[in-house]
């Protein structure tokens, strides 16, 4: 599992580069990713759909891509881009990381 901590203002190009990086990581065998947006002030909505596609690709390989730390403003951008159901979103990256462990825990 890896946690990617992003910061600043993310342009469409920044998000496309993130998607390319995620694809490379997935090809190397990574299956569980948390993208932490706690320190992101703004992102371009045009980069949300490619990110949704990467999340779907991770799910097809048995993994997932989860988001954490979205401000109400960023959450509104994701909703406006049609991504309100596309990601599991957690308030803090530790919550997102723990959700992967819970998903693997055997039921008693």
Protein backbone atom coordinates (compact mmCIF):
# COMPACT_ATOMS: atom_id res chain seq x y z
CA UNK A 1 0.00 0.00 0.00
CA UNK A 2 1.17 3.50 -0.79
CA UNK A 3 -0.08 6.93 0.26
CA UNK A 4 0.45 9.79 -2.16
CA UNK A 5 0.29 13.17 -0.47
CA UNK A 6 -0.54 15.97 -2.90
CA UNK A 7 -0.37 19.69 -2.28
CA UNK A 8 -1.05 23.07 -3.81
CA UNK A 9 -3.21 23.77 -6.82
CA UNK A 10 -3.50 20.86 -9.23
CA UNK A 11 -4.00 21.60 -12.91
CA UNK A 12 -5.50 19.17 -15.38
CA UNK A 13 -1.93 18.37 -16.49
CA UNK A 14 -0.88 17.69 -12.89
CA UNK A 15 -3.73 15.22 -12.51
CA UNK A 16 -2.94 13.54 -15.84
CA UNK A 17 0.67 13.11 -14.68
CA UNK A 18 -0.64 11.63 -11.42
CA UNK A 19 -2.74 9.19 -13.47
CA UNK A 20 0.29 8.18 -15.54
CA UNK A 21 2.26 7.64 -12.33
CA UNK A 22 -0.57 5.53 -10.89
CA UNK A 23 -0.65 3.42 -14.04
CA UNK A 24 3.11 2.76 -13.78
CA UNK A 25 2.76 1.82 -10.11
CA UNK A 26 -0.12 -0.53 -10.91
CA UNK A 27 1.94 -2.18 -13.66
CA UNK A 28 4.68 -2.79 -11.07
CA UNK A 29 2.17 -4.62 -8.85
CA UNK A 30 0.83 -1.93 -6.55
CA UNK A 31 -2.83 -2.63 -5.73
CA UNK A 32 -3.74 -0.30 -2.85
CA UNK A 33 -3.33 3.47 -3.02
CA UNK A 34 -4.52 6.33 -0.87
CA UNK A 35 -4.40 9.76 -2.48
CA UNK A 36 -4.35 12.37 0.29
CA UNK A 37 -5.66 15.78 -0.74
CA UNK A 38 -5.44 17.49 2.67
CA UNK A 39 -2.99 20.10 1.40
CA UNK A 40 -4.65 20.70 -1.98
CA UNK A 41 -6.41 24.03 -2.26
CA UNK A 42 -7.87 23.56 -5.74
CA UNK A 43 -7.90 21.04 -8.55
CA UNK A 44 -9.10 21.22 -12.12
CA UNK A 45 -12.32 19.26 -12.54
CA UNK A 46 -11.13 18.03 -15.97
CA UNK A 47 -8.61 15.79 -14.23
CA UNK A 48 -11.23 14.01 -12.12
CA UNK A 49 -12.55 11.65 -14.81
CA UNK A 50 -9.08 10.23 -15.66
CA UNK A 51 -8.59 9.67 -11.92
CA UNK A 52 -11.93 7.83 -11.81
CA UNK A 53 -10.68 5.59 -14.63
CA UNK A 54 -7.53 4.76 -12.65
CA UNK A 55 -9.62 3.84 -9.61
CA UNK A 56 -11.64 1.46 -11.81
CA UNK A 57 -8.41 -0.05 -13.17
CA UNK A 58 -7.16 -0.68 -9.62
CA UNK A 59 -10.48 -2.35 -8.74
CA UNK A 60 -10.26 -4.60 -11.80
CA UNK A 61 -6.91 -5.87 -10.47
CA UNK A 62 -8.38 -6.58 -7.03
CA UNK A 63 -7.16 -3.36 -5.43
CA UNK A 64 -8.55 0.12 -4.93
CA UNK A 65 -7.70 3.81 -4.98
CA UNK A 66 -9.17 5.76 -2.07
CA UNK A 67 -9.17 9.47 -1.33
CA UNK A 68 -8.64 11.30 1.93
CA UNK A 69 -8.59 14.83 3.23
CA UNK A 70 -11.03 16.46 0.81
CA UNK A 71 -12.16 19.89 1.89
CA UNK A 72 -15.84 20.70 1.30
CA UNK A 73 -14.66 22.74 -1.70
CA UNK A 74 -12.76 19.80 -3.25
CA UNK A 75 -15.66 17.46 -2.49
CA UNK A 76 -17.92 19.84 -4.44
CA UNK A 77 -15.53 19.72 -7.41
CA UNK A 78 -15.59 15.92 -7.36
CA UNK A 79 -19.41 15.94 -7.19
CA UNK A 80 -19.65 18.44 -10.05
CA UNK A 81 -17.34 16.22 -12.14
CA UNK A 82 -19.68 13.26 -11.55
CA UNK A 83 -17.37 11.43 -9.16
CA UNK A 84 -19.58 11.44 -6.05
CA UNK A 85 -19.87 7.61 -6.12
CA UNK A 86 -16.56 6.80 -7.80
CA UNK A 87 -14.30 6.82 -4.74
CA UNK A 88 -14.32 5.85 -1.10
CA UNK A 89 -13.52 9.13 0.65
CA UNK A 90 -12.13 9.36 4.17
CA UNK A 91 -11.53 12.38 6.42
CA UNK A 92 -7.92 11.40 7.17
CA UNK A 93 -5.36 9.28 5.34
CA UNK A 94 -5.04 6.97 8.35
CA UNK A 95 -8.75 6.18 8.07
CA UNK A 96 -8.32 5.34 4.39
CA UNK A 97 -5.26 3.20 5.11
CA UNK A 98 -7.10 1.35 7.89
CA UNK A 99 -10.01 0.61 5.54
CA UNK A 100 -7.70 -1.55 3.42
CA UNK A 101 -6.74 -3.60 6.50
CA UNK A 102 -10.41 -3.97 7.47
CA UNK A 103 -11.29 -5.20 4.00
CA UNK A 104 -8.75 -8.01 4.38
CA UNK A 105 -9.73 -8.98 7.92
CA UNK A 106 -11.35 -12.42 8.13
CA UNK A 107 -14.89 -12.53 9.37
CA UNK A 108 -15.41 -14.53 12.54
